[in-house]
Amino acid sequence: MSTVQVEDRVKKKLFSFAAKLQAESGRKVSLSEAIDRLIDLQQGSGDNKNYDVDNSKLLSLFGIIRGKGESKIAQKTLQELRQGEEKAIEEKYSRATRKSRS
């Protein structure tokens, strides 16, 4: 581990970003992870599965994406969203079925 010096205003922004990531993911997020995510986002990393995507913004733009790369990323993210929803529905149904049997 290394020590990095930043201005207080930058430190506040970093803590705020880390808190946002923590709230979205529901788990503790280190400052190192927050910095790593910021760098990946700035570099336009194509691996979106590690990031919390603003689904409403993505879906509102889905129909107007022009580039092949962006379209593939959007389609992959949309597919992941659908799979997540299907899994959540199955889990909810399974719990309701178990509860009704008790």
PDB file of N, CA and C in Angstrom:
ATOM      1  N   MET A   1       0.844  -1.184   0.000  1.00  0.00           N
ATOM      2  CA  MET A   1       0.000   0.000   0.000  1.00  0.00           C
ATOM      3  C   MET A   1       0.884   1.240   0.000  1.00  0.00           C
ATOM      4  N   SER A   2       0.391   2.258  -0.672  1.00  0.00           N
ATOM      5  CA  SER A   2       1.092   3.528  -0.747  1.00  0.00           C
ATOM      6  C   SER A   2       0.210   4.645  -0.209  1.00  0.00           C
ATOM      7  N   THR A   3       0.837   5.739   0.099  1.00  0.00           N
ATOM      8  CA  THR A   3       0.107   6.915   0.539  1.00  0.00           C
ATOM      9  C   THR A   3       0.016   7.886  -0.627  1.00  0.00           C
ATOM     10  N   VAL A   4      -1.173   8.414  -0.847  1.00  0.00           N
ATOM     11  CA  VAL A   4      -1.392   9.386  -1.912  1.00  0.00           C
ATOM     12  C   VAL A   4      -1.914  10.662  -1.268  1.00  0.00           C
ATOM     13  N   GLN A   5      -1.310  11.788  -1.620  1.00  0.00           N
ATOM     14  CA  GLN A   5      -1.763  13.063  -1.067  1.00  0.00           C
ATOM     15  C   GLN A   5      -2.695  13.740  -2.057  1.00  0.00           C
ATOM     16  N   VAL A   6      -3.840  14.169  -1.545  1.00  0.00           N
ATOM     17  CA  VAL A   6      -4.812  14.888  -2.359  1.00  0.00           C
ATOM     18  C   VAL A   6      -5.323  16.081  -1.557  1.00  0.00           C
ATOM     19  N   GLU A   7      -5.832  17.067  -2.277  1.00  0.00           N
ATOM     20  CA  GLU A   7      -6.413  18.238  -1.621  1.00  0.00           C
ATOM     21  C   GLU A   7      -7.693  17.813  -0.899  1.00  0.00           C
ATOM     22  N   ASP A   8      -8.074  18.570   0.105  1.00  0.00           N
ATOM     23  CA  ASP A   8      -9.280  18.258   0.871  1.00  0.00           C
ATOM     24  C   ASP A   8     -10.520  18.186  -0.013  1.00  0.00           C
ATOM     25  N   ARG A   9     -10.615  19.077  -0.988  1.00  0.00           N
ATOM     26  CA  ARG A   9     -11.789  19.088  -1.868  1.00  0.00           C
ATOM     27  C   ARG A   9     -11.846  17.811  -2.692  1.00  0.00           C
ATOM     28  N   VAL A  10     -10.708  17.299  -3.146  1.00  0.00           N
ATOM     29  CA  VAL A  10     -10.658  16.054  -3.910  1.00  0.00           C
ATOM     30  C   VAL A  10     -10.979  14.871  -2.996  1.00  0.00           C
ATOM     31  N   LYS A  11     -10.470  14.929  -1.781  1.00  0.00           N
ATOM     32  CA  LYS A  11     -10.735  13.875  -0.799  1.00  0.00           C
ATOM     33  C   LYS A  11     -12.231  13.767  -0.519  1.00  0.00           C
ATOM     34  N   LYS A  12     -12.906  14.900  -0.376  1.00  0.00           N
ATOM     35  CA  LYS A  12     -14.352  14.896  -0.128  1.00  0.00           C
ATOM     36  C   LYS A  12     -15.101  14.272  -1.301  1.00  0.00           C
ATOM     37  N   LYS A  13     -14.675  14.606  -2.529  1.00  0.00           N
ATOM     38  CA  LYS A  13     -15.309  14.037  -3.713  1.00  0.00           C
ATOM     39  C   LYS A  13     -15.091  12.523  -3.773  1.00  0.00           C
ATOM     40  N   LEU A  14     -13.882  12.090  -3.437  1.00  0.00           N
ATOM     41  CA  LEU A  14     -13.570  10.666  -3.461  1.00  0.00           C
ATOM     42  C   LEU A  14     -14.399   9.911  -2.425  1.00  0.00           C
ATOM     43  N   PHE A  15     -14.495  10.454  -1.207  1.00  0.00           N
ATOM     44  CA  PHE A  15     -15.316   9.828  -0.180  1.00  0.00           C
ATOM     45  C   PHE A  15     -16.780   9.787  -0.607  1.00  0.00           C
ATOM     46  N   SER A  16     -17.240  10.841  -1.242  1.00  0.00           N
ATOM     47  CA  SER A  16     -18.623  10.885  -1.714  1.00  0.00           C
ATOM     48  C   SER A  16     -18.867   9.814  -2.778  1.00  0.00           C
ATOM     49  N   PHE A  17     -17.928   9.677  -3.714  1.00  0.00           N
ATOM     50  CA  PHE A  17     -18.053   8.657  -4.765  1.00  0.00           C
ATOM     51  C   PHE A  17     -18.034   7.254  -4.153  1.00  0.00           C
ATOM     52  N   ALA A  18     -17.128   7.019  -3.206  1.00  0.00           N
ATOM     53  CA  ALA A  18     -17.045   5.716  -2.540  1.00  0.00           C
ATOM     54  C   ALA A  18     -18.338   5.415  -1.778  1.00  0.00           C
ATOM     55  N   ALA A  19     -18.906   6.425  -1.140  1.00  0.00           N
ATOM     56  CA  ALA A  19     -20.170   6.237  -0.410  1.00  0.00           C
ATOM     57  C   ALA A  19     -21.299   5.888  -1.371  1.00  0.00           C
ATOM     58  N   LYS A  20     -21.307   6.526  -2.541  1.00  0.00           N
ATOM     59  CA  LYS A  20     -22.326   6.230  -3.550  1.00  0.00           C
ATOM     60  C   LYS A  20     -22.183   4.779  -4.023  1.00  0.00           C
ATOM     61  N   LEU A  21     -20.957   4.346  -4.304  1.00  0.00           N
ATOM     62  CA  LEU A  21     -20.726   2.961  -4.716  1.00  0.00           C
ATOM     63  C   LEU A  21     -21.173   1.994  -3.629  1.00  0.00           C
ATOM     64  N   GLN A  22     -20.878   2.337  -2.395  1.00  0.00           N
ATOM     65  CA  GLN A  22     -21.251   1.485  -1.263  1.00  0.00           C
ATOM     66  C   GLN A  22     -22.768   1.382  -1.139  1.00  0.00           C
ATOM     67  N   ALA A  23     -23.451   2.500  -1.290  1.00  0.00           N
ATOM     68  CA  ALA A  23     -24.914   2.494  -1.197  1.00  0.00           C
ATOM     69  C   ALA A  23     -25.530   1.676  -2.325  1.00  0.00           C
ATOM     70  N   GLU A  24     -24.964   1.787  -3.527  1.00  0.00           N
ATOM     71  CA  GLU A  24     -25.499   1.061  -4.673  1.00  0.00           C
ATOM     72  C   GLU A  24     -25.221  -0.433  -4.593  1.00  0.00           C
ATOM     73  N   SER A  25     -24.048  -0.797  -4.089  1.00  0.00           N
ATOM     74  CA  SER A  25     -23.668  -2.213  -4.066  1.00  0.00           C
ATOM     75  C   SER A  25     -24.109  -2.921  -2.794  1.00  0.00           C
ATOM     76  N   GLY A  26     -24.382  -2.150  -1.732  1.00  0.00           N
ATOM     77  CA  GLY A  26     -24.791  -2.749  -0.474  1.00  0.00           C
ATOM     78  C   GLY A  26     -23.663  -3.424   0.281  1.00  0.00           C
ATOM     79  N   ARG A  27     -22.433  -3.069  -0.048  1.00  0.00           N
ATOM     80  CA  ARG A  27     -21.270  -3.635   0.636  1.00  0.00           C
ATOM     81  C   ARG A  27     -20.218  -2.554   0.812  1.00  0.00           C
ATOM     82  N   LYS A  28     -19.263  -2.813   1.675  1.00  0.00           N
ATOM     83  CA  LYS A  28     -18.223  -1.842   1.946  1.00  0.00           C
ATOM     84  C   LYS A  28     -17.318  -1.692   0.712  1.00  0.00           C
ATOM     85  N   VAL A  29     -16.979  -0.452   0.384  1.00  0.00           N
ATOM     86  CA  VAL A  29     -16.135  -0.156  -0.770  1.00  0.00           C
ATOM     87  C   VAL A  29     -14.919   0.634  -0.289  1.00  0.00           C
ATOM     88  N   SER A  30     -13.727   0.157  -0.631  1.00  0.00           N
ATOM     89  CA  SER A  30     -12.505   0.847  -0.221  1.00  0.00           C
ATOM     90  C   SER A  30     -12.245   2.041  -1.132  1.00  0.00           C
ATOM     91  N   LEU A  31     -11.422   2.962  -0.659  1.00  0.00           N
ATOM     92  CA  LEU A  31     -11.047   4.099  -1.494  1.00  0.00           C
ATOM     93  C   LEU A  31     -10.250   3.620  -2.704  1.00  0.00           C
ATOM     94  N   SER A  32      -9.460   2.590  -2.526  1.00  0.00           N
ATOM     95  CA  SER A  32      -8.704   2.017  -3.636  1.00  0.00           C
ATOM     96  C   SER A  32      -9.646   1.523  -4.735  1.00  0.00           C
ATOM     97  N   GLU A  33     -10.714   0.833  -4.323  1.00  0.00           N
ATOM     98  CA  GLU A  33     -11.695   0.352  -5.297  1.00  0.00           C
ATOM     99  C   GLU A  33     -12.402   1.518  -5.989  1.00  0.00           C
ATOM    100  N   ALA A  34     -12.708   2.557  -5.229  1.00  0.00           N
ATOM    101  CA  ALA A  34     -13.358   3.730  -5.818  1.00  0.00           C
ATOM    102  C   ALA A  34     -12.444   4.382  -6.859  1.00  0.00           C
ATOM    103  N   ILE A  35     -11.166   4.512  -6.537  1.00  0.00           N
ATOM    104  CA  ILE A  35     -10.217   5.101  -7.491  1.00  0.00           C
ATOM    105  C   ILE A  35     -10.103   4.217  -8.723  1.00  0.00           C
ATOM    106  N   ASP A  36     -10.023   2.902  -8.516  1.00  0.00           N
ATOM    107  CA  ASP A  36      -9.927   1.962  -9.626  1.00  0.00           C
ATOM    108  C   ASP A  36     -11.129   2.091 -10.550  1.00  0.00           C
ATOM    109  N   ARG A  37     -12.317   2.193  -9.963  1.00  0.00           N
ATOM    110  CA  ARG A  37     -13.526   2.338 -10.784  1.00  0.00           C
ATOM    111  C   ARG A  37     -13.535   3.653 -11.545  1.00  0.00           C
ATOM    112  N   LEU A  38     -13.095   4.721 -10.902  1.00  0.00           N
ATOM    113  CA  LEU A  38     -13.025   6.013 -11.588  1.00  0.00           C
ATOM    114  C   LEU A  38     -12.078   5.953 -12.778  1.00  0.00           C
ATOM    115  N   ILE A  39     -10.953   5.298 -12.594  1.00  0.00           N
ATOM    116  CA  ILE A  39      -9.983   5.168 -13.691  1.00  0.00           C
ATOM    117  C   ILE A  39     -10.583   4.330 -14.819  1.00  0.00           C
ATOM    118  N   ASP A  40     -11.209   3.208 -14.480  1.00  0.00           N
ATOM    119  CA  ASP A  40     -11.832   2.370 -15.504  1.00  0.00           C
ATOM    120  C   ASP A  40     -12.913   3.139 -16.257  1.00  0.00           C
ATOM    121  N   LEU A  41     -13.716   3.896 -15.537  1.00  0.00           N
ATOM    122  CA  LEU A  41     -14.770   4.682 -16.188  1.00  0.00           C
ATOM    123  C   LEU A  41     -14.180   5.736 -17.111  1.00  0.00           C
ATOM    124  N   GLN A  42     -13.112   6.376 -16.664  1.00  0.00           N
ATOM    125  CA  GLN A  42     -12.468   7.410 -17.471  1.00  0.00           C
ATOM    126  C   GLN A  42     -11.862   6.810 -18.733  1.00  0.00           C
ATOM    127  N   GLN A  43     -11.337   5.600 -18.632  1.00  0.00           N
ATOM    128  CA  GLN A  43     -10.711   4.945 -19.777  1.00  0.00           C
ATOM    129  C   GLN A  43     -11.727   4.258 -20.677  1.00  0.00           C
ATOM    130  N   GLY A  44     -12.979   4.304 -20.286  1.00  0.00           N
ATOM    131  CA  GLY A  44     -14.027   3.710 -21.110  1.00  0.00           C
ATOM    132  C   GLY A  44     -13.961   2.203 -21.144  1.00  0.00           C
ATOM    133  N   SER A  45     -13.657   1.602 -20.010  1.00  0.00           N
ATOM    134  CA  SER A  45     -13.585   0.143 -19.930  1.00  0.00           C
ATOM    135  C   SER A  45     -14.873  -0.464 -20.438  1.00  0.00           C
ATOM    136  N   GLY A  46     -14.764  -1.473 -21.304  1.00  0.00           N
ATOM    137  CA  GLY A  46     -15.931  -2.133 -21.867  1.00  0.00           C
ATOM    138  C   GLY A  46     -16.550  -3.147 -20.937  1.00  0.00           C
ATOM    139  N   ASP A  47     -15.920  -3.419 -19.809  1.00  0.00           N
ATOM    140  CA  ASP A  47     -16.421  -4.429 -18.876  1.00  0.00           C
ATOM    141  C   ASP A  47     -17.366  -3.770 -17.886  1.00  0.00           C
ATOM    142  N   ASN A  48     -18.642  -3.735 -18.230  1.00  0.00           N
ATOM    143  CA  ASN A  48     -19.632  -3.055 -17.391  1.00  0.00           C
ATOM    144  C   ASN A  48     -20.189  -3.917 -16.280  1.00  0.00           C
ATOM    145  N   LYS A  49     -19.874  -5.214 -16.276  1.00  0.00           N
ATOM    146  CA  LYS A  49     -20.503  -6.077 -15.284  1.00  0.00           C
ATOM    147  C   LYS A  49     -20.066  -5.758 -13.865  1.00  0.00           C
ATOM    148  N   ASN A  50     -18.967  -5.052 -13.672  1.00  0.00           N
ATOM    149  CA  ASN A  50     -18.501  -4.711 -12.335  1.00  0.00           C
ATOM    150  C   ASN A  50     -19.047  -3.375 -11.851  1.00  0.00           C
ATOM    151  N   TYR A  51     -19.831  -2.717 -12.679  1.00  0.00           N
ATOM    152  CA  TYR A  51     -20.296  -1.386 -12.342  1.00  0.00           C
ATOM    153  C   TYR A  51     -21.802  -1.347 -12.237  1.00  0.00           C
ATOM    154  N   ASP A  52     -22.271  -0.519 -11.337  1.00  0.00           N
ATOM    155  CA  ASP A  52     -23.696  -0.298 -11.229  1.00  0.00           C
ATOM    156  C   ASP A  52     -24.083   0.669 -12.338  1.00  0.00           C
ATOM    157  N   VAL A  53     -24.904   0.225 -13.248  1.00  0.00           N
ATOM    158  CA  VAL A  53     -25.301   1.007 -14.401  1.00  0.00           C
ATOM    159  C   VAL A  53     -26.603   1.720 -14.079  1.00  0.00           C
ATOM    160  N   ASP A  54     -26.723   2.979 -14.496  1.00  0.00           N
ATOM    161  CA  ASP A  54     -27.989   3.691 -14.336  1.00  0.00           C
ATOM    162  C   ASP A  54     -28.927   3.130 -15.400  1.00  0.00           C
ATOM    163  N   ASN A  55     -29.689   2.120 -15.017  1.00  0.00           N
ATOM    164  CA  ASN A  55     -30.517   1.383 -15.958  1.00  0.00           C
ATOM    165  C   ASN A  55     -31.533   2.256 -16.678  1.00  0.00           C
ATOM    166  N   SER A  56     -32.123   3.203 -15.989  1.00  0.00           N
ATOM    167  CA  SER A  56     -33.133   4.042 -16.642  1.00  0.00           C
ATOM    168  C   SER A  56     -32.507   4.872 -17.761  1.00  0.00           C
ATOM    169  N   LYS A  57     -31.303   5.394 -17.528  1.00  0.00           N
ATOM    170  CA  LYS A  57     -30.638   6.158 -18.584  1.00  0.00           C
ATOM    171  C   LYS A  57     -30.250   5.258 -19.749  1.00  0.00           C
ATOM    172  N   LEU A  58     -29.727   4.076 -19.428  1.00  0.00           N
ATOM    173  CA  LEU A  58     -29.331   3.152 -20.478  1.00  0.00           C
ATOM    174  C   LEU A  58     -30.529   2.766 -21.335  1.00  0.00           C
ATOM    175  N   LEU A  59     -31.614   2.401 -20.689  1.00  0.00           N
ATOM    176  CA  LEU A  59     -32.792   1.968 -21.435  1.00  0.00           C
ATOM    177  C   LEU A  59     -33.394   3.104 -22.259  1.00  0.00           C
ATOM    178  N   SER A  60     -33.320   4.332 -21.743  1.00  0.00           N
ATOM    179  CA  SER A  60     -33.868   5.453 -22.505  1.00  0.00           C
ATOM    180  C   SER A  60     -33.029   5.739 -23.747  1.00  0.00           C
ATOM    181  N   LEU A  61     -31.761   5.375 -23.712  1.00  0.00           N
ATOM    182  CA  LEU A  61     -30.872   5.607 -24.859  1.00  0.00           C
ATOM    183  C   LEU A  61     -30.767   4.406 -25.788  1.00  0.00           C
ATOM    184  N   PHE A  62     -31.259   3.273 -25.363  1.00  0.00           N
ATOM    185  CA  PHE A  62     -31.029   2.033 -26.094  1.00  0.00           C
ATOM    186  C   PHE A  62     -31.432   2.132 -27.561  1.00  0.00           C
ATOM    187  N   GLY A  63     -32.524   2.767 -27.847  1.00  0.00           N
ATOM    188  CA  GLY A  63     -33.008   2.834 -29.223  1.00  0.00           C
ATOM    189  C   GLY A  63     -32.236   3.783 -30.116  1.00  0.00           C
ATOM    190  N   ILE A  64     -31.409   4.662 -29.556  1.00  0.00           N
ATOM    191  CA  ILE A  64     -30.715   5.638 -30.394  1.00  0.00           C
ATOM    192  C   ILE A  64     -29.208   5.424 -30.450  1.00  0.00           C
ATOM    193  N   ILE A  65     -28.716   4.320 -29.934  1.00  0.00           N
ATOM    194  CA  ILE A  65     -27.282   4.048 -29.971  1.00  0.00           C
ATOM    195  C   ILE A  65     -26.890   3.703 -31.396  1.00  0.00           C
ATOM    196  N   ARG A  66     -25.858   4.377 -31.891  1.00  0.00           N
ATOM    197  CA  ARG A  66     -25.468   4.237 -33.288  1.00  0.00           C
ATOM    198  C   ARG A  66     -24.278   3.292 -33.501  1.00  0.00           C
ATOM    199  N   GLY A  67     -23.238   3.428 -32.685  1.00  0.00           N
ATOM    200  CA  GLY A  67     -22.005   2.677 -32.895  1.00  0.00           C
ATOM    201  C   GLY A  67     -22.155   1.199 -32.575  1.00  0.00           C
ATOM    202  N   LYS A  68     -21.422   0.367 -33.322  1.00  0.00           N
ATOM    203  CA  LYS A  68     -21.515  -1.074 -33.102  1.00  0.00           C
ATOM    204  C   LYS A  68     -21.041  -1.453 -31.712  1.00  0.00           C
ATOM    205  N   GLY A  69     -19.950  -0.845 -31.236  1.00  0.00           N
ATOM    206  CA  GLY A  69     -19.423  -1.158 -29.915  1.00  0.00           C
ATOM    207  C   GLY A  69     -20.397  -0.810 -28.813  1.00  0.00           C
ATOM    208  N   GLU A  70     -20.976   0.391 -28.886  1.00  0.00           N
ATOM    209  CA  GLU A  70     -21.928   0.807 -27.862  1.00  0.00           C
ATOM    210  C   GLU A  70     -23.181  -0.058 -27.894  1.00  0.00           C
ATOM    211  N   SER A  71     -23.608  -0.431 -29.096  1.00  0.00           N
ATOM    212  CA  SER A  71     -24.802  -1.252 -29.227  1.00  0.00           C
ATOM    213  C   SER A  71     -24.591  -2.618 -28.576  1.00  0.00           C
ATOM    214  N   LYS A  72     -23.420  -3.211 -28.774  1.00  0.00           N
ATOM    215  CA  LYS A  72     -23.141  -4.511 -28.174  1.00  0.00           C
ATOM    216  C   LYS A  72     -23.102  -4.409 -26.650  1.00  0.00           C
ATOM    217  N   ILE A  73     -22.498  -3.350 -26.134  1.00  0.00           N
ATOM    218  CA  ILE A  73     -22.447  -3.146 -24.682  1.00  0.00           C
ATOM    219  C   ILE A  73     -23.861  -2.973 -24.136  1.00  0.00           C
ATOM    220  N   ALA A  74     -24.666  -2.165 -24.830  1.00  0.00           N
ATOM    221  CA  ALA A  74     -26.039  -1.929 -24.391  1.00  0.00           C
ATOM    222  C   ALA A  74     -26.851  -3.221 -24.439  1.00  0.00           C
ATOM    223  N   GLN A  75     -26.688  -4.010 -25.504  1.00  0.00           N
ATOM    224  CA  GLN A  75     -27.423  -5.266 -25.610  1.00  0.00           C
ATOM    225  C   GLN A  75     -27.004  -6.237 -24.521  1.00  0.00           C
ATOM    226  N   LYS A  76     -25.699  -6.292 -24.231  1.00  0.00           N
ATOM    227  CA  LYS A  76     -25.209  -7.181 -23.182  1.00  0.00           C
ATOM    228  C   LYS A  76     -25.768  -6.759 -21.825  1.00  0.00           C
ATOM    229  N   THR A  77     -25.753  -5.452 -21.565  1.00  0.00           N
ATOM    230  CA  THR A  77     -26.263  -4.944 -20.294  1.00  0.00           C
ATOM    231  C   THR A  77     -27.758  -5.201 -20.175  1.00  0.00           C
ATOM    232  N   LEU A  78     -28.487  -4.998 -21.255  1.00  0.00           N
ATOM    233  CA  LEU A  78     -29.929  -5.256 -21.250  1.00  0.00           C
ATOM    234  C   LEU A  78     -30.202  -6.734 -20.984  1.00  0.00           C
ATOM    235  N   GLN A  79     -29.407  -7.614 -21.589  1.00  0.00           N
ATOM    236  CA  GLN A  79     -29.562  -9.046 -21.359  1.00  0.00           C
ATOM    237  C   GLN A  79     -29.303  -9.386 -19.889  1.00  0.00           C
ATOM    238  N   GLU A  80     -28.255  -8.778 -19.304  1.00  0.00           N
ATOM    239  CA  GLU A  80     -27.956  -9.013 -17.892  1.00  0.00           C
ATOM    240  C   GLU A  80     -29.093  -8.518 -16.999  1.00  0.00           C
ATOM    241  N   LEU A  81     -29.681  -7.377 -17.355  1.00  0.00           N
ATOM    242  CA  LEU A  81     -30.812  -6.848 -16.594  1.00  0.00           C
ATOM    243  C   LEU A  81     -31.993  -7.812 -16.643  1.00  0.00           C
ATOM    244  N   ARG A  82     -32.269  -8.340 -17.844  1.00  0.00           N
ATOM    245  CA  ARG A  82     -33.376  -9.280 -17.992  1.00  0.00           C
ATOM    246  C   ARG A  82     -33.129 -10.534 -17.170  1.00  0.00           C
ATOM    247  N   GLN A  83     -31.905 -11.055 -17.222  1.00  0.00           N
ATOM    248  CA  GLN A  83     -31.572 -12.255 -16.454  1.00  0.00           C
ATOM    249  C   GLN A  83     -31.721 -11.992 -14.958  1.00  0.00           C
ATOM    250  N   GLY A  84     -31.289 -10.820 -14.516  1.00  0.00           N
ATOM    251  CA  GLY A  84     -31.427 -10.463 -13.109  1.00  0.00           C
ATOM    252  C   GLY A  84     -32.874 -10.380 -12.687  1.00  0.00           C
ATOM    253  N   GLU A  85     -33.705  -9.788 -13.538  1.00  0.00           N
ATOM    254  CA  GLU A  85     -35.135  -9.691 -13.237  1.00  0.00           C
ATOM    255  C   GLU A  85     -35.776 -11.070 -13.199  1.00  0.00           C
ATOM    256  N   GLU A  86     -35.419 -11.932 -14.158  1.00  0.00           N
ATOM    257  CA  GLU A  86     -35.967 -13.280 -14.183  1.00  0.00           C
ATOM    258  C   GLU A  86     -35.575 -14.053 -12.930  1.00  0.00           C
ATOM    259  N   LYS A  87     -34.338 -13.904 -12.505  1.00  0.00           N
ATOM    260  CA  LYS A  87     -33.871 -14.587 -11.300  1.00  0.00           C
ATOM    261  C   LYS A  87     -34.624 -14.079 -10.069  1.00  0.00           C
ATOM    262  N   ALA A  88     -34.803 -12.755  -9.981  1.00  0.00           N
ATOM    263  CA  ALA A  88     -35.521 -12.174  -8.844  1.00  0.00           C
ATOM    264  C   ALA A  88     -36.962 -12.669  -8.805  1.00  0.00           C
ATOM    265  N   ILE A  89     -37.596 -12.766  -9.966  1.00  0.00           N
ATOM    266  CA  ILE A  89     -38.976 -13.248 -10.034  1.00  0.00           C
ATOM    267  C   ILE A  89     -39.047 -14.705  -9.599  1.00  0.00           C
ATOM    268  N   GLU A  90     -38.079 -15.524 -10.077  1.00  0.00           N
ATOM    269  CA  GLU A  90     -38.056 -16.938  -9.690  1.00  0.00           C
ATOM    270  C   GLU A  90     -37.872 -17.092  -8.184  1.00  0.00           C
ATOM    271  N   GLU A  91     -36.976 -16.301  -7.597  1.00  0.00           N
ATOM    272  CA  GLU A  91     -36.743 -16.370  -6.155  1.00  0.00           C
ATOM    273  C   GLU A  91     -37.990 -15.959  -5.381  1.00  0.00           C
ATOM    274  N   LYS A  92     -38.640 -14.907  -5.838  1.00  0.00           N
ATOM    275  CA  LYS A  92     -39.863 -14.439  -5.172  1.00  0.00           C
ATOM    276  C   LYS A  92     -40.960 -15.499  -5.259  1.00  0.00           C
ATOM    277  N   TYR A  93     -41.102 -16.104  -6.429  1.00  0.00           N
ATOM    278  CA  TYR A  93     -42.098 -17.153  -6.619  1.00  0.00           C
ATOM    279  C   TYR A  93     -41.784 -18.351  -5.739  1.00  0.00           C
ATOM    280  N   SER A  94     -40.512 -18.721  -5.690  1.00  0.00           N
ATOM    281  CA  SER A  94     -40.081 -19.861  -4.877  1.00  0.00           C
ATOM    282  C   SER A  94     -40.380 -19.623  -3.398  1.00  0.00           C
ATOM    283  N   ARG A  95     -40.088 -18.420  -2.908  1.00  0.00           N
ATOM    284  CA  ARG A  95     -40.365 -18.084  -1.500  1.00  0.00           C
ATOM    285  C   ARG A  95     -41.861 -18.121  -1.228  1.00  0.00           C
ATOM    286  N   ALA A  96     -42.657 -17.574  -2.150  1.00  0.00           N
ATOM    287  CA  ALA A  96     -44.103 -17.551  -1.972  1.00  0.00           C
ATOM    288  C   ALA A  96     -44.677 -18.972  -1.968  1.00  0.00           C
ATOM    289  N   THR A  97     -44.129 -19.830  -2.816  1.00  0.00           N
ATOM    290  CA  THR A  97     -44.584 -21.218  -2.874  1.00  0.00           C
ATOM    291  C   THR A  97     -44.266 -21.953  -1.578  1.00  0.00           C
ATOM    292  N   ARG A  98     -43.045 -21.764  -1.065  1.00  0.00           N
ATOM    293  CA  ARG A  98     -42.648 -22.397   0.189  1.00  0.00           C
ATOM    294  C   ARG A  98     -43.512 -21.892   1.345  1.00  0.00           C
ATOM    295  N   LYS A  99     -43.793 -20.602   1.335  1.00  0.00           N
ATOM    296  CA  LYS A  99     -44.587 -19.997   2.409  1.00  0.00           C
ATOM    297  C   LYS A  99     -46.013 -20.544   2.397  1.00  0.00           C
ATOM    298  N   SER A 100     -46.565 -20.714   1.218  1.00  0.00           N
ATOM    299  CA  SER A 100     -47.950 -21.197   1.119  1.00  0.00           C
ATOM    300  C   SER A 100     -48.052 -22.667   1.511  1.00  0.00           C
ATOM    301  N   ARG A 101     -46.958 -23.415   1.374  1.00  0.00           N
ATOM    302  CA  ARG A 101     -46.962 -24.827   1.745  1.00  0.00           C
ATOM    303  C   ARG A 101     -46.853 -25.020   3.248  1.00  0.00           C
ATOM    304  N   SER A 102     -46.341 -24.006   3.949  1.00  0.00           N
ATOM    305  CA  SER A 102     -46.150 -24.135   5.408  1.00  0.00           C
ATOM    306  C   SER A 102     -47.435 -24.010   6.175  1.00  0.00           C
TER     307      SER A 102
END
